[in-house]
């Protein structure tokens, strides 16, 4: 029997060895998968921490605020419908959206001593009390530090309609729950009242407006803790 390599396909053996070597290398790099592999899970895009951009300025996005609006069949719900009957542009949702904006503006304006904003947002009597508090704070060299972190919820608590000689006066009580940092600093920069930590606040604000009169707008008529 001839054991020489004269008629044996040596080139096939070389190709087989090279193929086996490459297969082992790929297995060591890629690993081994067994069975049906699950499809890759999509990655949700991360929200932009800077929020949206309005007029060239980044505005942080706030989590959705819960609106609590009395049902139409309740006494308060019926009074809200009566307001709408005299003002077709009124809706409870739109009203609470305005309260949400007004709350931030008034709280910030009071802390910063912004009398112009307060005068536009408050009734004359409430403005007088706010202005007196700001003047007293300034005379003592104190500063108010307030940061609204989150407005959690806005709820319409009560509605009152009062017939007047020039129209109907409407008053709406709104409970506002928010997370804030609020404290007063003395002239030496040390805290006098409040605390430098996020605290939940529950306030009851009353807004008033004269219905049936052009140019009348909702203004803050009372603010107290609740």
Foldseek 3Di string as FASTA:
>chain_A
DDPDCPPPPPVVVVVVVVVVVVVVVVCVVVPDDDDDDDDDDDDDDDDDQQDDADPNHGDGDAPDAAEAEDDCPDPQNVVQVVLCVLPVPDDSVVVVVVVVVLVVQVVVCLQVVVLVSQVVAADPVVSVVSNVVSVVCVVQQKGKDKDFPHWHYKYWDHWDWDQDPQAIKIKIKIKTKTWMQIFMAGNVRHTDDGDRDTDIFIKIWMWMWGGPDPPIDTHTYDIDGD
